C-alpha cells in the first residue's frame, strides 16, 4: 500500500514527511510525497502574469511544478519517496489521489493552534480529514 504525505513549501512539511516515513517503515509501504497546485496558485508563485499577461500556462507545466515542489520537500530527507504533482484544488485532488492509490494513510502537517483554535483545522486539512476514505494523520507543531 501507499502512505500519502501531503506536502507544500512550508516548514511544517518536515513533520508530515517524518510521520509518513515512520508509518511506511512500520507497514513496509511506499511513500508518495504529493503536492497539488492550481493554475492560479502557480501564476501567483511564478509572477508570470504580472509582467507578461499574454503568457499561457499549460496543465503539464502546472503538474511539473507541483512535482518539483514535492521532490524538493523530500530532497533533504534520507527516505525513498515518489514525488507526485497534481493539478487542481488540494482539498479534492489529494483525497482523489489517495482513493486511486488505495492509500493506507494520508499524512498532513497541521498548524499550531491555540486551545480554542484546535477545534477547527485549516480548510485544506479539515476537508481532507472529512472526505478521505482512509485514515488521516495530522502531524502538528509542538
C-alpha atoms as a PDB file:
ATOM      1  CA  UNK A   1       0.000   0.000   0.000  1.00  0.00           C
ATOM      2  CA  UNK A   2       0.926   3.658  -0.110  1.00  0.00           C
ATOM      3  CA  UNK A   3       1.349   6.328   2.532  1.00  0.00           C
ATOM      4  CA  UNK A   4       0.477   9.766   1.135  1.00  0.00           C
ATOM      5  CA  UNK A   5       2.455  12.696   2.559  1.00  0.00           C
ATOM      6  CA  UNK A   6       0.640  15.877   1.550  1.00  0.00           C
ATOM      7  CA  UNK A   7       3.419  18.456   1.199  1.00  0.00           C
ATOM      8  CA  UNK A   8       3.800  22.129   0.459  1.00  0.00           C
ATOM      9  CA  UNK A   9       6.566  24.711   0.684  1.00  0.00           C
ATOM     10  CA  UNK A  10       6.171  25.409   4.403  1.00  0.00           C
ATOM     11  CA  UNK A  11       8.413  24.393   7.283  1.00  0.00           C
ATOM     12  CA  UNK A  12       5.609  22.132   8.526  1.00  0.00           C
ATOM     13  CA  UNK A  13       6.200  19.728   5.646  1.00  0.00           C
ATOM     14  CA  UNK A  14       9.109  18.139   7.527  1.00  0.00           C
ATOM     15  CA  UNK A  15       6.656  16.873  10.174  1.00  0.00           C
ATOM     16  CA  UNK A  16       4.445  15.228   7.549  1.00  0.00           C
ATOM     17  CA  UNK A  17       7.388  13.565   5.830  1.00  0.00           C
ATOM     18  CA  UNK A  18       8.840  12.297   9.119  1.00  0.00           C
ATOM     19  CA  UNK A  19       5.477  10.810  10.129  1.00  0.00           C
ATOM     20  CA  UNK A  20       4.945   9.281   6.677  1.00  0.00           C
ATOM     21  CA  UNK A  21       8.402   7.709   6.898  1.00  0.00           C
ATOM     22  CA  UNK A  22       7.613   6.279  10.343  1.00  0.00           C
ATOM     23  CA  UNK A  23       4.366   4.775   9.055  1.00  0.00           C
ATOM     24  CA  UNK A  24       5.964   3.423   5.881  1.00  0.00           C
ATOM     25  CA  UNK A  25       8.628   1.683   7.954  1.00  0.00           C
ATOM     26  CA  UNK A  26       6.037   0.195  10.313  1.00  0.00           C
ATOM     27  CA  UNK A  27       3.869  -1.127   7.476  1.00  0.00           C
ATOM     28  CA  UNK A  28       6.578  -1.676   4.840  1.00  0.00           C
ATOM     29  CA  UNK A  29       4.716   0.693   2.496  1.00  0.00           C
ATOM     30  CA  UNK A  30       5.981   3.223  -0.002  1.00  0.00           C
ATOM     31  CA  UNK A  31       5.688   6.970   0.487  1.00  0.00           C
ATOM     32  CA  UNK A  32       4.223   9.272  -2.129  1.00  0.00           C
ATOM     33  CA  UNK A  33       5.001  12.936  -1.446  1.00  0.00           C
ATOM     34  CA  UNK A  34       2.054  14.701  -3.071  1.00  0.00           C
ATOM     35  CA  UNK A  35       1.621  18.376  -3.878  1.00  0.00           C
ATOM     36  CA  UNK A  36      -1.493  19.735  -5.602  1.00  0.00           C
ATOM     37  CA  UNK A  37      -1.377  23.074  -7.370  1.00  0.00           C
ATOM     38  CA  UNK A  38      -3.976  25.149  -9.178  1.00  0.00           C
ATOM     39  CA  UNK A  39      -3.141  27.259 -12.214  1.00  0.00           C
ATOM     40  CA  UNK A  40      -3.986  30.422 -10.307  1.00  0.00           C
ATOM     41  CA  UNK A  41      -1.638  29.447  -7.448  1.00  0.00           C
ATOM     42  CA  UNK A  42       1.114  28.702  -9.954  1.00  0.00           C
ATOM     43  CA  UNK A  43       0.611  32.098 -11.558  1.00  0.00           C
ATOM     44  CA  UNK A  44       0.979  33.687  -8.111  1.00  0.00           C
ATOM     45  CA  UNK A  45       4.139  31.633  -7.458  1.00  0.00           C
ATOM     46  CA  UNK A  46       5.697  32.478 -10.792  1.00  0.00           C
ATOM     47  CA  UNK A  47       4.522  36.076 -11.003  1.00  0.00           C
ATOM     48  CA  UNK A  48       4.233  35.492 -14.761  1.00  0.00           C
ATOM     49  CA  UNK A  49       1.059  37.434 -15.415  1.00  0.00           C
ATOM     50  CA  UNK A  50       2.307  40.476 -13.538  1.00  0.00           C
ATOM     51  CA  UNK A  51       4.945  41.058 -16.197  1.00  0.00           C
ATOM     52  CA  UNK A  52       3.525  39.164 -19.190  1.00  0.00           C
ATOM     53  CA  UNK A  53      -0.262  38.720 -19.095  1.00  0.00           C
ATOM     54  CA  UNK A  54      -0.206  37.071 -22.533  1.00  0.00           C
ATOM     55  CA  UNK A  55       1.708  34.010 -21.274  1.00  0.00           C
ATOM     56  CA  UNK A  56      -0.373  30.836 -21.143  1.00  0.00           C
ATOM     57  CA  UNK A  57       0.489  28.092 -18.656  1.00  0.00           C
ATOM     58  CA  UNK A  58      -0.253  24.524 -19.709  1.00  0.00           C
ATOM     59  CA  UNK A  59      -1.699  21.832 -17.477  1.00  0.00           C
ATOM     60  CA  UNK A  60       1.552  19.892 -17.890  1.00  0.00           C
ATOM     61  CA  UNK A  61       3.592  22.875 -16.628  1.00  0.00           C
ATOM     62  CA  UNK A  62       1.389  23.039 -13.534  1.00  0.00           C
ATOM     63  CA  UNK A  63       1.847  19.300 -12.854  1.00  0.00           C
ATOM     64  CA  UNK A  64       5.624  19.573 -13.407  1.00  0.00           C
ATOM     65  CA  UNK A  65       5.875  22.493 -10.994  1.00  0.00           C
ATOM     66  CA  UNK A  66       3.798  20.604  -8.414  1.00  0.00           C
ATOM     67  CA  UNK A  67       6.081  17.567  -8.855  1.00  0.00           C
ATOM     68  CA  UNK A  68       9.130  19.803  -8.355  1.00  0.00           C
ATOM     69  CA  UNK A  69       7.638  21.126  -5.100  1.00  0.00           C
ATOM     70  CA  UNK A  70       7.023  17.557  -3.897  1.00  0.00           C
ATOM     71  CA  UNK A  71      10.541  16.452  -4.896  1.00  0.00           C
ATOM     72  CA  UNK A  72      12.074  19.450  -3.116  1.00  0.00           C
ATOM     73  CA  UNK A  73      10.104  18.628   0.018  1.00  0.00           C
ATOM     74  CA  UNK A  74      11.660  15.160   0.307  1.00  0.00           C
ATOM     75  CA  UNK A  75      15.113  16.005  -1.072  1.00  0.00           C
ATOM     76  CA  UNK A  76      16.573  16.887   2.302  1.00  0.00           C
ATOM     77  CA  UNK A  77      15.397  13.649   3.924  1.00  0.00           C
ATOM     78  CA  UNK A  78      17.022  10.262   3.634  1.00  0.00           C
ATOM     79  CA  UNK A  79      13.893   8.439   2.515  1.00  0.00           C
ATOM     80  CA  UNK A  80      12.739   6.818  -0.651  1.00  0.00           C
ATOM     81  CA  UNK A  81       9.615   8.612  -1.789  1.00  0.00           C
ATOM     82  CA  UNK A  82       7.894   9.121  -5.100  1.00  0.00           C
ATOM     83  CA  UNK A  83       7.257  12.802  -5.849  1.00  0.00           C
ATOM     84  CA  UNK A  84       3.773  13.301  -7.264  1.00  0.00           C
ATOM     85  CA  UNK A  85       2.470  16.557  -8.701  1.00  0.00           C
ATOM     86  CA  UNK A  86      -1.251  17.050  -9.179  1.00  0.00           C
ATOM     87  CA  UNK A  87      -3.164  19.858 -10.803  1.00  0.00           C
ATOM     88  CA  UNK A  88      -6.223  21.155  -9.043  1.00  0.00           C
ATOM     89  CA  UNK A  89      -7.593  22.091  -5.659  1.00  0.00           C
ATOM     90  CA  UNK A  90      -5.561  20.346  -2.924  1.00  0.00           C
ATOM     91  CA  UNK A  91      -8.725  19.684  -0.899  1.00  0.00           C
ATOM     92  CA  UNK A  92     -10.115  17.406  -3.573  1.00  0.00           C
ATOM     93  CA  UNK A  93      -7.111  16.224  -5.581  1.00  0.00           C
ATOM     94  CA  UNK A  94      -5.217  14.764  -2.600  1.00  0.00           C
ATOM     95  CA  UNK A  95      -8.319  12.840  -1.470  1.00  0.00           C
ATOM     96  CA  UNK A  96      -8.939  11.611  -5.024  1.00  0.00           C
ATOM     97  CA  UNK A  97      -5.321  10.546  -5.439  1.00  0.00           C
ATOM     98  CA  UNK A  98      -5.385   8.667  -2.127  1.00  0.00           C
ATOM     99  CA  UNK A  99      -8.520   6.801  -3.252  1.00  0.00           C
ATOM    100  CA  UNK A 100      -6.956   5.989  -6.640  1.00  0.00           C
ATOM    101  CA  UNK A 101      -3.871   4.598  -4.904  1.00  0.00           C
ATOM    102  CA  UNK A 102      -5.841   2.765  -2.205  1.00  0.00           C
ATOM    103  CA  UNK A 103      -3.686   4.591   0.340  1.00  0.00           C
ATOM    104  CA  UNK A 104      -3.265   3.260   3.847  1.00  0.00           C
ATOM    105  CA  UNK A 105      -2.907   6.784   5.328  1.00  0.00           C
ATOM    106  CA  UNK A 106      -2.776  10.422   4.333  1.00  0.00           C
ATOM    107  CA  UNK A 107      -0.352  12.441   6.443  1.00  0.00           C
ATOM    108  CA  UNK A 108      -0.778  16.203   6.664  1.00  0.00           C
ATOM    109  CA  UNK A 109       1.192  18.772   8.627  1.00  0.00           C
ATOM    110  CA  UNK A 110      -1.138  20.986  10.628  1.00  0.00           C
ATOM    111  CA  UNK A 111      -0.515  24.389  12.097  1.00  0.00           C
ATOM    112  CA  UNK A 112      -0.014  25.012  15.776  1.00  0.00           C
ATOM    113  CA  UNK A 113      -3.311  26.189  17.234  1.00  0.00           C
ATOM    114  CA  UNK A 114      -4.469  27.824  20.426  1.00  0.00           C
ATOM    115  CA  UNK A 115      -6.730  25.660  22.627  1.00  0.00           C
ATOM    116  CA  UNK A 116      -9.807  27.295  21.102  1.00  0.00           C
ATOM    117  CA  UNK A 117      -8.330  27.120  17.608  1.00  0.00           C
ATOM    118  CA  UNK A 118      -7.765  23.374  17.873  1.00  0.00           C
ATOM    119  CA  UNK A 119     -11.450  22.784  17.339  1.00  0.00           C
ATOM    120  CA  UNK A 120     -11.149  23.984  13.745  1.00  0.00           C
ATOM    121  CA  UNK A 121      -8.357  22.928  11.406  1.00  0.00           C
ATOM    122  CA  UNK A 122      -7.325  24.838   8.311  1.00  0.00           C
ATOM    123  CA  UNK A 123      -9.679  24.449   5.388  1.00  0.00           C
ATOM    124  CA  UNK A 124      -7.449  22.038   3.423  1.00  0.00           C
ATOM    125  CA  UNK A 125      -6.676  19.899   6.461  1.00  0.00           C
ATOM    126  CA  UNK A 126     -10.283  19.838   7.617  1.00  0.00           C
ATOM    127  CA  UNK A 127     -11.589  18.988   4.161  1.00  0.00           C
ATOM    128  CA  UNK A 128      -9.137  16.103   3.757  1.00  0.00           C
ATOM    129  CA  UNK A 129      -9.986  14.726   7.210  1.00  0.00           C
ATOM    130  CA  UNK A 130     -13.700  14.840   6.450  1.00  0.00           C
ATOM    131  CA  UNK A 131     -13.573  13.474   2.907  1.00  0.00           C
ATOM    132  CA  UNK A 132     -10.751  10.922   2.802  1.00  0.00           C
ATOM    133  CA  UNK A 133     -11.728   7.264   2.647  1.00  0.00           C
ATOM    134  CA  UNK A 134      -8.564   6.253   4.512  1.00  0.00           C
ATOM    135  CA  UNK A 135      -7.310   7.372   7.937  1.00  0.00           C
ATOM    136  CA  UNK A 136      -5.723  10.815   8.022  1.00  0.00           C
ATOM    137  CA  UNK A 137      -2.849  11.618  10.368  1.00  0.00           C
ATOM    138  CA  UNK A 138      -2.352  15.266  11.250  1.00  0.00           C
ATOM    139  CA  UNK A 139       1.147  15.976  12.486  1.00  0.00           C
ATOM    140  CA  UNK A 140       1.233  19.299  14.333  1.00  0.00           C
ATOM    141  CA  UNK A 141       3.979  21.508  15.701  1.00  0.00           C
ATOM    142  CA  UNK A 142       4.600  21.331  19.421  1.00  0.00           C
END
